[in-house]
Amino acid sequence: MQSVSEKRQILRAMARVCDLTGKKVQVGNNVSHANNKVKRKFYPNLQKKRFYIPEEDKWITLKVSTSAIRTINKNGISAVLKKARQNGNILV
């Protein structure tokens, strides 16, 4: 039997949502030269990536947007995880 948090993690893993920033699919229009509009989706550029957390001495795998990867490179994984937990975007 899975706990609620495990089920949330499974659902989060299947969704096209960044684990750190919360970026997700946006809806817009394809606009033709004749100005015909047809609905379409804009997907975030998500990558599955492993990160090492030295404070906890463990590896975690996250589905993150490329902009989140750049933020991690700039600020460090610990600071980004702390901020994501404060914003409620991460379940790990």
PDB file of N, CA and C in Angstrom:
ATOM      1  N   MET A   1       0.843  -1.180   0.000  1.00  0.00           N
ATOM      2  CA  MET A   1       0.000   0.000   0.000  1.00  0.00           C
ATOM      3  C   MET A   1       0.892   1.249   0.000  1.00  0.00           C
ATOM      4  N   GLN A   2       0.588   2.200  -0.881  1.00  0.00           N
ATOM      5  CA  GLN A   2       1.379   3.412  -0.990  1.00  0.00           C
ATOM      6  C   GLN A   2       0.789   4.516  -0.120  1.00  0.00           C
ATOM      7  N   SER A   3       1.701   5.306   0.456  1.00  0.00           N
ATOM      8  CA  SER A   3       1.234   6.446   1.236  1.00  0.00           C
ATOM      9  C   SER A   3       0.802   7.566   0.291  1.00  0.00           C
ATOM     10  N   VAL A   4       0.169   8.572   0.834  1.00  0.00           N
ATOM     11  CA  VAL A   4      -0.310   9.688   0.023  1.00  0.00           C
ATOM     12  C   VAL A   4       0.856  10.416  -0.643  1.00  0.00           C
ATOM     13  N   SER A   5       1.957  10.606   0.085  1.00  0.00           N
ATOM     14  CA  SER A   5       3.095  11.320  -0.486  1.00  0.00           C
ATOM     15  C   SER A   5       3.724  10.526  -1.635  1.00  0.00           C
ATOM     16  N   GLU A   6       3.752   9.185  -1.525  1.00  0.00           N
ATOM     17  CA  GLU A   6       4.284   8.372  -2.614  1.00  0.00           C
ATOM     18  C   GLU A   6       3.400   8.484  -3.845  1.00  0.00           C
ATOM     19  N   LYS A   7       2.081   8.488  -3.645  1.00  0.00           N
ATOM     20  CA  LYS A   7       1.165   8.635  -4.779  1.00  0.00           C
ATOM     21  C   LYS A   7       1.342   9.997  -5.444  1.00  0.00           C
ATOM     22  N   ARG A   8       1.535  11.040  -4.636  1.00  0.00           N
ATOM     23  CA  ARG A   8       1.756  12.375  -5.191  1.00  0.00           C
ATOM     24  C   ARG A   8       3.024  12.409  -6.025  1.00  0.00           C
ATOM     25  N   GLN A   9       4.068  11.754  -5.522  1.00  0.00           N
ATOM     26  CA  GLN A   9       5.324  11.736  -6.267  1.00  0.00           C
ATOM     27  C   GLN A   9       5.144  11.027  -7.603  1.00  0.00           C
ATOM     28  N   ILE A  10       4.389   9.945  -7.625  1.00  0.00           N
ATOM     29  CA  ILE A  10       4.149   9.220  -8.862  1.00  0.00           C
ATOM     30  C   ILE A  10       3.371  10.092  -9.837  1.00  0.00           C
ATOM     31  N   LEU A  11       2.332  10.761  -9.348  1.00  0.00           N
ATOM     32  CA  LEU A  11       1.550  11.637 -10.214  1.00  0.00           C
ATOM     33  C   LEU A  11       2.398  12.790 -10.728  1.00  0.00           C
ATOM     34  N   ARG A  12       3.221  13.363  -9.855  1.00  0.00           N
ATOM     35  CA  ARG A  12       4.075  14.477 -10.245  1.00  0.00           C
ATOM     36  C   ARG A  12       5.076  14.020 -11.304  1.00  0.00           C
ATOM     37  N   ALA A  13       5.568  12.797 -11.172  1.00  0.00           N
ATOM     38  CA  ALA A  13       6.550  12.285 -12.116  1.00  0.00           C
ATOM     39  C   ALA A  13       5.935  12.103 -13.495  1.00  0.00           C
ATOM     40  N   MET A  14       4.657  11.763 -13.557  1.00  0.00           N
ATOM     41  CA  MET A  14       4.023  11.537 -14.847  1.00  0.00           C
ATOM     42  C   MET A  14       3.629  12.846 -15.517  1.00  0.00           C
ATOM     43  N   ALA A  15       3.372  13.883 -14.753  1.00  0.00           N
ATOM     44  CA  ALA A  15       2.904  15.140 -15.311  1.00  0.00           C
ATOM     45  C   ALA A  15       4.058  15.905 -15.954  1.00  0.00           C
ATOM     46  N   ARG A  16       3.722  16.780 -16.890  1.00  0.00           N
ATOM     47  CA  ARG A  16       4.729  17.638 -17.515  1.00  0.00           C
ATOM     48  C   ARG A  16       4.846  18.921 -16.703  1.00  0.00           C
ATOM     49  N   VAL A  17       5.393  18.771 -15.489  1.00  0.00           N
ATOM     50  CA  VAL A  17       5.542  19.889 -14.563  1.00  0.00           C
ATOM     51  C   VAL A  17       6.958  19.863 -14.004  1.00  0.00           C
ATOM     52  N   CYS A  18       7.594  21.030 -13.965  1.00  0.00           N
ATOM     53  CA  CYS A  18       8.926  21.135 -13.373  1.00  0.00           C
ATOM     54  C   CYS A  18       8.809  20.958 -11.857  1.00  0.00           C
ATOM     55  N   ASP A  19       9.645  20.101 -11.297  1.00  0.00           N
ATOM     56  CA  ASP A  19       9.596  19.825  -9.861  1.00  0.00           C
ATOM     57  C   ASP A  19      10.036  21.018  -9.018  1.00  0.00           C
ATOM     58  N   LEU A  20      10.856  21.892  -9.563  1.00  0.00           N
ATOM     59  CA  LEU A  20      11.384  22.998  -8.771  1.00  0.00           C
ATOM     60  C   LEU A  20      10.643  24.313  -9.003  1.00  0.00           C
ATOM     61  N   THR A  21      10.345  24.639 -10.244  1.00  0.00           N
ATOM     62  CA  THR A  21       9.727  25.934 -10.539  1.00  0.00           C
ATOM     63  C   THR A  21       8.216  25.847 -10.691  1.00  0.00           C
ATOM     64  N   GLY A  22       7.689  24.650 -10.951  1.00  0.00           N
ATOM     65  CA  GLY A  22       6.249  24.506 -11.151  1.00  0.00           C
ATOM     66  C   GLY A  22       5.804  24.850 -12.560  1.00  0.00           C
ATOM     67  N   LYS A  23       6.745  25.073 -13.471  1.00  0.00           N
ATOM     68  CA  LYS A  23       6.379  25.368 -14.852  1.00  0.00           C
ATOM     69  C   LYS A  23       5.608  24.196 -15.427  1.00  0.00           C
ATOM     70  N   LYS A  24       4.560  24.508 -16.211  1.00  0.00           N
ATOM     71  CA  LYS A  24       3.754  23.449 -16.793  1.00  0.00           C
ATOM     72  C   LYS A  24       3.281  23.860 -18.183  1.00  0.00           C
ATOM     73  N   VAL A  25       2.484  23.008 -18.796  1.00  0.00           N
ATOM     74  CA  VAL A  25       2.002  23.236 -20.152  1.00  0.00           C
ATOM     75  C   VAL A  25       1.136  24.484 -20.194  1.00  0.00           C
ATOM     76  N   GLN A  26       1.346  25.308 -21.228  1.00  0.00           N
ATOM     77  CA  GLN A  26       0.515  26.478 -21.457  1.00  0.00           C
ATOM     78  C   GLN A  26      -0.272  26.267 -22.746  1.00  0.00           C
ATOM     79  N   VAL A  27      -1.415  26.929 -22.836  1.00  0.00           N
ATOM     80  CA  VAL A  27      -2.274  26.786 -24.008  1.00  0.00           C
ATOM     81  C   VAL A  27      -2.272  28.088 -24.782  1.00  0.00           C
ATOM     82  N   GLY A  28      -2.210  27.964 -26.110  1.00  0.00           N
ATOM     83  CA  GLY A  28      -2.233  29.144 -26.970  1.00  0.00           C
ATOM     84  C   GLY A  28      -2.822  28.782 -28.318  1.00  0.00           C
ATOM     85  N   ASN A  29      -2.519  29.577 -29.308  1.00  0.00           N
ATOM     86  CA  ASN A  29      -3.056  29.376 -30.648  1.00  0.00           C
ATOM     87  C   ASN A  29      -1.944  29.270 -31.674  1.00  0.00           C
ATOM     88  N   ASN A  30      -2.146  28.396 -32.678  1.00  0.00           N
ATOM     89  CA  ASN A  30      -1.408  28.477 -33.922  1.00  0.00           C
ATOM     90  C   ASN A  30      -2.142  29.493 -34.767  1.00  0.00           C
ATOM     91  N   VAL A  31      -1.441  30.475 -35.283  1.00  0.00           N
ATOM     92  CA  VAL A  31      -2.083  31.513 -36.086  1.00  0.00           C
ATOM     93  C   VAL A  31      -1.533  31.433 -37.502  1.00  0.00           C
ATOM     94  N   SER A  32      -2.406  31.185 -38.460  1.00  0.00           N
ATOM     95  CA  SER A  32      -1.990  31.066 -39.851  1.00  0.00           C
ATOM     96  C   SER A  32      -1.845  32.446 -40.487  1.00  0.00           C
ATOM     97  N   HIS A  33      -1.350  32.459 -41.717  1.00  0.00           N
ATOM     98  CA  HIS A  33      -1.209  33.716 -42.458  1.00  0.00           C
ATOM     99  C   HIS A  33      -2.579  34.371 -42.671  1.00  0.00           C
ATOM    100  N   ALA A  34      -3.623  33.545 -42.769  1.00  0.00           N
ATOM    101  CA  ALA A  34      -4.985  34.058 -42.939  1.00  0.00           C
ATOM    102  C   ALA A  34      -5.637  34.410 -41.597  1.00  0.00           C
ATOM    103  N   ASN A  35      -4.829  34.362 -40.529  1.00  0.00           N
ATOM    104  CA  ASN A  35      -5.270  34.700 -39.173  1.00  0.00           C
ATOM    105  C   ASN A  35      -6.289  33.700 -38.618  1.00  0.00           C
ATOM    106  N   ASN A  36      -6.252  32.466 -39.117  1.00  0.00           N
ATOM    107  CA  ASN A  36      -7.062  31.403 -38.516  1.00  0.00           C
ATOM    108  C   ASN A  36      -6.358  30.941 -37.257  1.00  0.00           C
ATOM    109  N   LYS A  37      -7.136  30.724 -36.214  1.00  0.00           N
ATOM    110  CA  LYS A  37      -6.559  30.326 -34.934  1.00  0.00           C
ATOM    111  C   LYS A  37      -6.985  28.912 -34.576  1.00  0.00           C
ATOM    112  N   VAL A  38      -6.001  28.088 -34.241  1.00  0.00           N
ATOM    113  CA  VAL A  38      -6.229  26.701 -33.843  1.00  0.00           C
ATOM    114  C   VAL A  38      -5.493  26.487 -32.527  1.00  0.00           C
ATOM    115  N   LYS A  39      -6.167  25.897 -31.544  1.00  0.00           N
ATOM    116  CA  LYS A  39      -5.564  25.675 -30.224  1.00  0.00           C
ATOM    117  C   LYS A  39      -4.334  24.773 -30.325  1.00  0.00           C
ATOM    118  N   ARG A  40      -3.342  25.077 -29.502  1.00  0.00           N
ATOM    119  CA  ARG A  40      -2.136  24.260 -29.409  1.00  0.00           C
ATOM    120  C   ARG A  40      -1.592  24.353 -27.994  1.00  0.00           C
ATOM    121  N   LYS A  41      -0.589  23.542 -27.701  1.00  0.00           N
ATOM    122  CA  LYS A  41       0.036  23.541 -26.376  1.00  0.00           C
ATOM    123  C   LYS A  41       1.500  23.918 -26.504  1.00  0.00           C
ATOM    124  N   PHE A  42       1.964  24.683 -25.536  1.00  0.00           N
ATOM    125  CA  PHE A  42       3.375  25.013 -25.418  1.00  0.00           C
ATOM    126  C   PHE A  42       3.920  24.218 -24.234  1.00  0.00           C
ATOM    127  N   TYR A  43       4.836  23.284 -24.517  1.00  0.00           N
ATOM    128  CA  TYR A  43       5.378  22.423 -23.473  1.00  0.00           C
ATOM    129  C   TYR A  43       6.658  23.014 -22.893  1.00  0.00           C
ATOM    130  N   PRO A  44       6.850  22.909 -21.582  1.00  0.00           N
ATOM    131  CA  PRO A  44       8.123  23.359 -21.003  1.00  0.00           C
ATOM    132  C   PRO A  44       9.238  22.398 -21.406  1.00  0.00           C
ATOM    133  N   ASN A  45      10.444  22.916 -21.486  1.00  0.00           N
ATOM    134  CA  ASN A  45      11.599  22.098 -21.851  1.00  0.00           C
ATOM    135  C   ASN A  45      12.080  21.367 -20.597  1.00  0.00           C
ATOM    136  N   LEU A  46      11.513  20.187 -20.340  1.00  0.00           N
ATOM    137  CA  LEU A  46      11.823  19.424 -19.128  1.00  0.00           C
ATOM    138  C   LEU A  46      12.870  18.359 -19.409  1.00  0.00           C
ATOM    139  N   GLN A  47      13.761  18.198 -18.451  1.00  0.00           N
ATOM    140  CA  GLN A  47      14.814  17.187 -18.523  1.00  0.00           C
ATOM    141  C   GLN A  47      14.832  16.413 -17.210  1.00  0.00           C
ATOM    142  N   LYS A  48      15.040  15.115 -17.302  1.00  0.00           N
ATOM    143  CA  LYS A  48      15.184  14.298 -16.106  1.00  0.00           C
ATOM    144  C   LYS A  48      16.659  14.324 -15.722  1.00  0.00           C
ATOM    145  N   LYS A  49      16.946  14.768 -14.502  1.00  0.00           N
ATOM    146  CA  LYS A  49      18.338  14.980 -14.104  1.00  0.00           C
ATOM    147  C   LYS A  49      18.561  14.541 -12.672  1.00  0.00           C
ATOM    148  N   ARG A  50      19.738  13.950 -12.421  1.00  0.00           N
ATOM    149  CA  ARG A  50      20.124  13.551 -11.066  1.00  0.00           C
ATOM    150  C   ARG A  50      20.994  14.632 -10.457  1.00  0.00           C
ATOM    151  N   PHE A  51      20.738  14.912  -9.178  1.00  0.00           N
ATOM    152  CA  PHE A  51      21.520  15.908  -8.446  1.00  0.00           C
ATOM    153  C   PHE A  51      22.023  15.286  -7.153  1.00  0.00           C
ATOM    154  N   TYR A  52      23.245  15.639  -6.775  1.00  0.00           N
ATOM    155  CA  TYR A  52      23.819  15.169  -5.522  1.00  0.00           C
ATOM    156  C   TYR A  52      23.635  16.246  -4.470  1.00  0.00           C
ATOM    157  N   ILE A  53      23.087  15.850  -3.322  1.00  0.00           N
ATOM    158  CA  ILE A  53      22.888  16.774  -2.206  1.00  0.00           C
ATOM    159  C   ILE A  53      23.912  16.420  -1.128  1.00  0.00           C
ATOM    160  N   PRO A  54      24.959  17.233  -0.986  1.00  0.00           N
ATOM    161  CA  PRO A  54      26.025  16.883  -0.031  1.00  0.00           C
ATOM    162  C   PRO A  54      25.570  16.896   1.425  1.00  0.00           C
ATOM    163  N   GLU A  55      24.614  17.772   1.779  1.00  0.00           N
ATOM    164  CA  GLU A  55      24.152  17.837   3.168  1.00  0.00           C
ATOM    165  C   GLU A  55      23.472  16.538   3.603  1.00  0.00           C
ATOM    166  N   GLU A  56      22.746  15.922   2.684  1.00  0.00           N
ATOM    167  CA  GLU A  56      22.045  14.671   2.991  1.00  0.00           C
ATOM    168  C   GLU A  56      22.821  13.455   2.500  1.00  0.00           C
ATOM    169  N   ASP A  57      23.917  13.680   1.786  1.00  0.00           N
ATOM    170  CA  ASP A  57      24.768  12.628   1.234  1.00  0.00           C
ATOM    171  C   ASP A  57      23.949  11.628   0.415  1.00  0.00           C
ATOM    172  N   LYS A  58      23.133  12.161  -0.523  1.00  0.00           N
ATOM    173  CA  LYS A  58      22.350  11.278  -1.380  1.00  0.00           C
ATOM    174  C   LYS A  58      22.087  11.937  -2.726  1.00  0.00           C
ATOM    175  N   TRP A  59      21.712  11.103  -3.690  1.00  0.00           N
ATOM    176  CA  TRP A  59      21.349  11.548  -5.031  1.00  0.00           C
ATOM    177  C   TRP A  59      19.831  11.577  -5.134  1.00  0.00           C
ATOM    178  N   ILE A  60      19.304  12.596  -5.830  1.00  0.00           N
ATOM    179  CA  ILE A  60      17.874  12.628  -6.123  1.00  0.00           C
ATOM    180  C   ILE A  60      17.695  12.871  -7.617  1.00  0.00           C
ATOM    181  N   THR A  61      16.631  12.311  -8.162  1.00  0.00           N
ATOM    182  CA  THR A  61      16.297  12.514  -9.564  1.00  0.00           C
ATOM    183  C   THR A  61      15.087  13.431  -9.641  1.00  0.00           C
ATOM    184  N   LEU A  62      15.231  14.495 -10.401  1.00  0.00           N
ATOM    185  CA  LEU A  62      14.158  15.468 -10.551  1.00  0.00           C
ATOM    186  C   LEU A  62      13.874  15.694 -12.026  1.00  0.00           C
ATOM    187  N   LYS A  63      12.632  16.030 -12.330  1.00  0.00           N
ATOM    188  CA  LYS A  63      12.257  16.462 -13.669  1.00  0.00           C
ATOM    189  C   LYS A  63      12.214  17.981 -13.624  1.00  0.00           C
ATOM    190  N   VAL A  64      13.216  18.624 -14.220  1.00  0.00           N
ATOM    191  CA  VAL A  64      13.367  20.062 -14.098  1.00  0.00           C
ATOM    192  C   VAL A  64      13.440  20.726 -15.466  1.00  0.00           C
ATOM    193  N   SER A  65      13.017  21.979 -15.517  1.00  0.00           N
ATOM    194  CA  SER A  65      13.118  22.760 -16.748  1.00  0.00           C
ATOM    195  C   SER A  65      14.570  23.191 -16.929  1.00  0.00           C
ATOM    196  N   THR A  66      14.915  23.533 -18.150  1.00  0.00           N
ATOM    197  CA  THR A  66      16.296  23.948 -18.414  1.00  0.00           C
ATOM    198  C   THR A  66      16.622  25.252 -17.699  1.00  0.00           C
ATOM    199  N   SER A  67      15.631  26.109 -17.510  1.00  0.00           N
ATOM    200  CA  SER A  67      15.894  27.341 -16.756  1.00  0.00           C
ATOM    201  C   SER A  67      16.177  27.023 -15.291  1.00  0.00           C
ATOM    202  N   ALA A  68      15.543  25.980 -14.749  1.00  0.00           N
ATOM    203  CA  ALA A  68      15.814  25.561 -13.374  1.00  0.00           C
ATOM    204  C   ALA A  68      17.236  24.991 -13.253  1.00  0.00           C
ATOM    205  N   ILE A  69      17.694  24.294 -14.280  1.00  0.00           N
ATOM    206  CA  ILE A  69      19.061  23.763 -14.272  1.00  0.00           C
ATOM    207  C   ILE A  69      20.059  24.917 -14.226  1.00  0.00           C
ATOM    208  N   ARG A  70      19.786  25.970 -14.990  1.00  0.00           N
ATOM    209  CA  ARG A  70      20.660  27.144 -14.969  1.00  0.00           C
ATOM    210  C   ARG A  70      20.652  27.807 -13.596  1.00  0.00           C
ATOM    211  N   THR A  71      19.486  27.858 -12.955  1.00  0.00           N
ATOM    212  CA  THR A  71      19.390  28.441 -11.617  1.00  0.00           C
ATOM    213  C   THR A  71      20.184  27.608 -10.612  1.00  0.00           C
ATOM    214  N   ILE A  72      20.116  26.283 -10.754  1.00  0.00           N
ATOM    215  CA  ILE A  72      20.881  25.395  -9.872  1.00  0.00           C
ATOM    216  C   ILE A  72      22.381  25.617 -10.079  1.00  0.00           C
ATOM    217  N   ASN A  73      22.801  25.761 -11.329  1.00  0.00           N
ATOM    218  CA  ASN A  73      24.224  26.016 -11.608  1.00  0.00           C
ATOM    219  C   ASN A  73      24.673  27.339 -10.984  1.00  0.00           C
ATOM    220  N   LYS A  74      23.781  28.306 -10.938  1.00  0.00           N
ATOM    221  CA  LYS A  74      24.126  29.625 -10.414  1.00  0.00           C
ATOM    222  C   LYS A  74      24.105  29.664  -8.891  1.00  0.00           C
ATOM    223  N   ASN A  75      23.033  29.139  -8.270  1.00  0.00           N
ATOM    224  CA  ASN A  75      22.823  29.287  -6.830  1.00  0.00           C
ATOM    225  C   ASN A  75      23.164  28.053  -6.008  1.00  0.00           C
ATOM    226  N   GLY A  76      23.241  26.894  -6.634  1.00  0.00           N
ATOM    227  CA  GLY A  76      23.494  25.647  -5.913  1.00  0.00           C
ATOM    228  C   GLY A  76      22.200  24.900  -5.632  1.00  0.00           C
ATOM    229  N   ILE A  77      22.284  23.571  -5.591  1.00  0.00           N
ATOM    230  CA  ILE A  77      21.091  22.730  -5.436  1.00  0.00           C
ATOM    231  C   ILE A  77      20.433  22.931  -4.076  1.00  0.00           C
ATOM    232  N   SER A  78      21.208  23.116  -3.021  1.00  0.00           N
ATOM    233  CA  SER A  78      20.632  23.241  -1.679  1.00  0.00           C
ATOM    234  C   SER A  78      19.768  24.489  -1.559  1.00  0.00           C
ATOM    235  N   ALA A  79      20.248  25.615  -2.087  1.00  0.00           N
ATOM    236  CA  ALA A  79      19.494  26.867  -2.015  1.00  0.00           C
ATOM    237  C   ALA A  79      18.221  26.786  -2.844  1.00  0.00           C
ATOM    238  N   VAL A  80      18.308  26.166  -4.012  1.00  0.00           N
ATOM    239  CA  VAL A  80      17.148  26.061  -4.898  1.00  0.00           C
ATOM    240  C   VAL A  80      16.098  25.128  -4.289  1.00  0.00           C
ATOM    241  N   LEU A  81      16.529  24.019  -3.694  1.00  0.00           N
ATOM    242  CA  LEU A  81      15.593  23.096  -3.048  1.00  0.00           C
ATOM    243  C   LEU A  81      14.901  23.772  -1.863  1.00  0.00           C
ATOM    244  N   LYS A  82      15.661  24.551  -1.100  1.00  0.00           N
ATOM    245  CA  LYS A  82      15.082  25.257   0.050  1.00  0.00           C
ATOM    246  C   LYS A  82      13.997  26.230  -0.408  1.00  0.00           C
ATOM    247  N   LYS A  83      14.287  26.981  -1.454  1.00  0.00           N
ATOM    248  CA  LYS A  83      13.313  27.944  -1.976  1.00  0.00           C
ATOM    249  C   LYS A  83      12.088  27.232  -2.560  1.00  0.00           C
ATOM    250  N   ALA A  84      12.295  26.111  -3.244  1.00  0.00           N
ATOM    251  CA  ALA A  84      11.182  25.356  -3.832  1.00  0.00           C
ATOM    252  C   ALA A  84      10.285  24.786  -2.733  1.00  0.00           C
ATOM    253  N   ARG A  85      10.883  24.339  -1.637  1.00  0.00           N
ATOM    254  CA  ARG A  85      10.076  23.829  -0.518  1.00  0.00           C
ATOM    255  C   ARG A  85       9.241  24.953   0.104  1.00  0.00           C
ATOM    256  N   GLN A  86       9.816  26.146   0.209  1.00  0.00           N
ATOM    257  CA  GLN A  86       9.075  27.295   0.747  1.00  0.00           C
ATOM    258  C   GLN A  86       7.893  27.659  -0.148  1.00  0.00           C
ATOM    259  N   ASN A  87       8.105  27.557  -1.472  1.00  0.00           N
ATOM    260  CA  ASN A  87       7.029  27.892  -2.420  1.00  0.00           C
ATOM    261  C   ASN A  87       6.016  26.770  -2.570  1.00  0.00           C
ATOM    262  N   GLY A  88       6.335  25.583  -2.034  1.00  0.00           N
ATOM    263  CA  GLY A  88       5.413  24.452  -2.120  1.00  0.00           C
ATOM    264  C   GLY A  88       5.444  23.733  -3.445  1.00  0.00           C
ATOM    265  N   ASN A  89       6.533  23.902  -4.222  1.00  0.00           N
ATOM    266  CA  ASN A  89       6.629  23.272  -5.537  1.00  0.00           C
ATOM    267  C   ASN A  89       7.216  21.871  -5.479  1.00  0.00           C
ATOM    268  N   ILE A  90       7.883  21.529  -4.387  1.00  0.00           N
ATOM    269  CA  ILE A  90       8.589  20.242  -4.355  1.00  0.00           C
ATOM    270  C   ILE A  90       8.006  19.351  -3.268  1.00  0.00           C
ATOM    271  N   LEU A  91       7.947  18.061  -3.578  1.00  0.00           N
ATOM    272  CA  LEU A  91       7.385  17.098  -2.630  1.00  0.00           C
ATOM    273  C   LEU A  91       8.461  16.204  -2.033  1.00  0.00           C
ATOM    274  N   VAL A  92       9.726  16.350  -2.453  1.00  0.00           N
ATOM    275  CA  VAL A  92      10.815  15.483  -1.992  1.00  0.00           C
ATOM    276  C   VAL A  92      11.268  15.930  -0.619  1.00  0.00           C
TER     277      VAL A  92
END
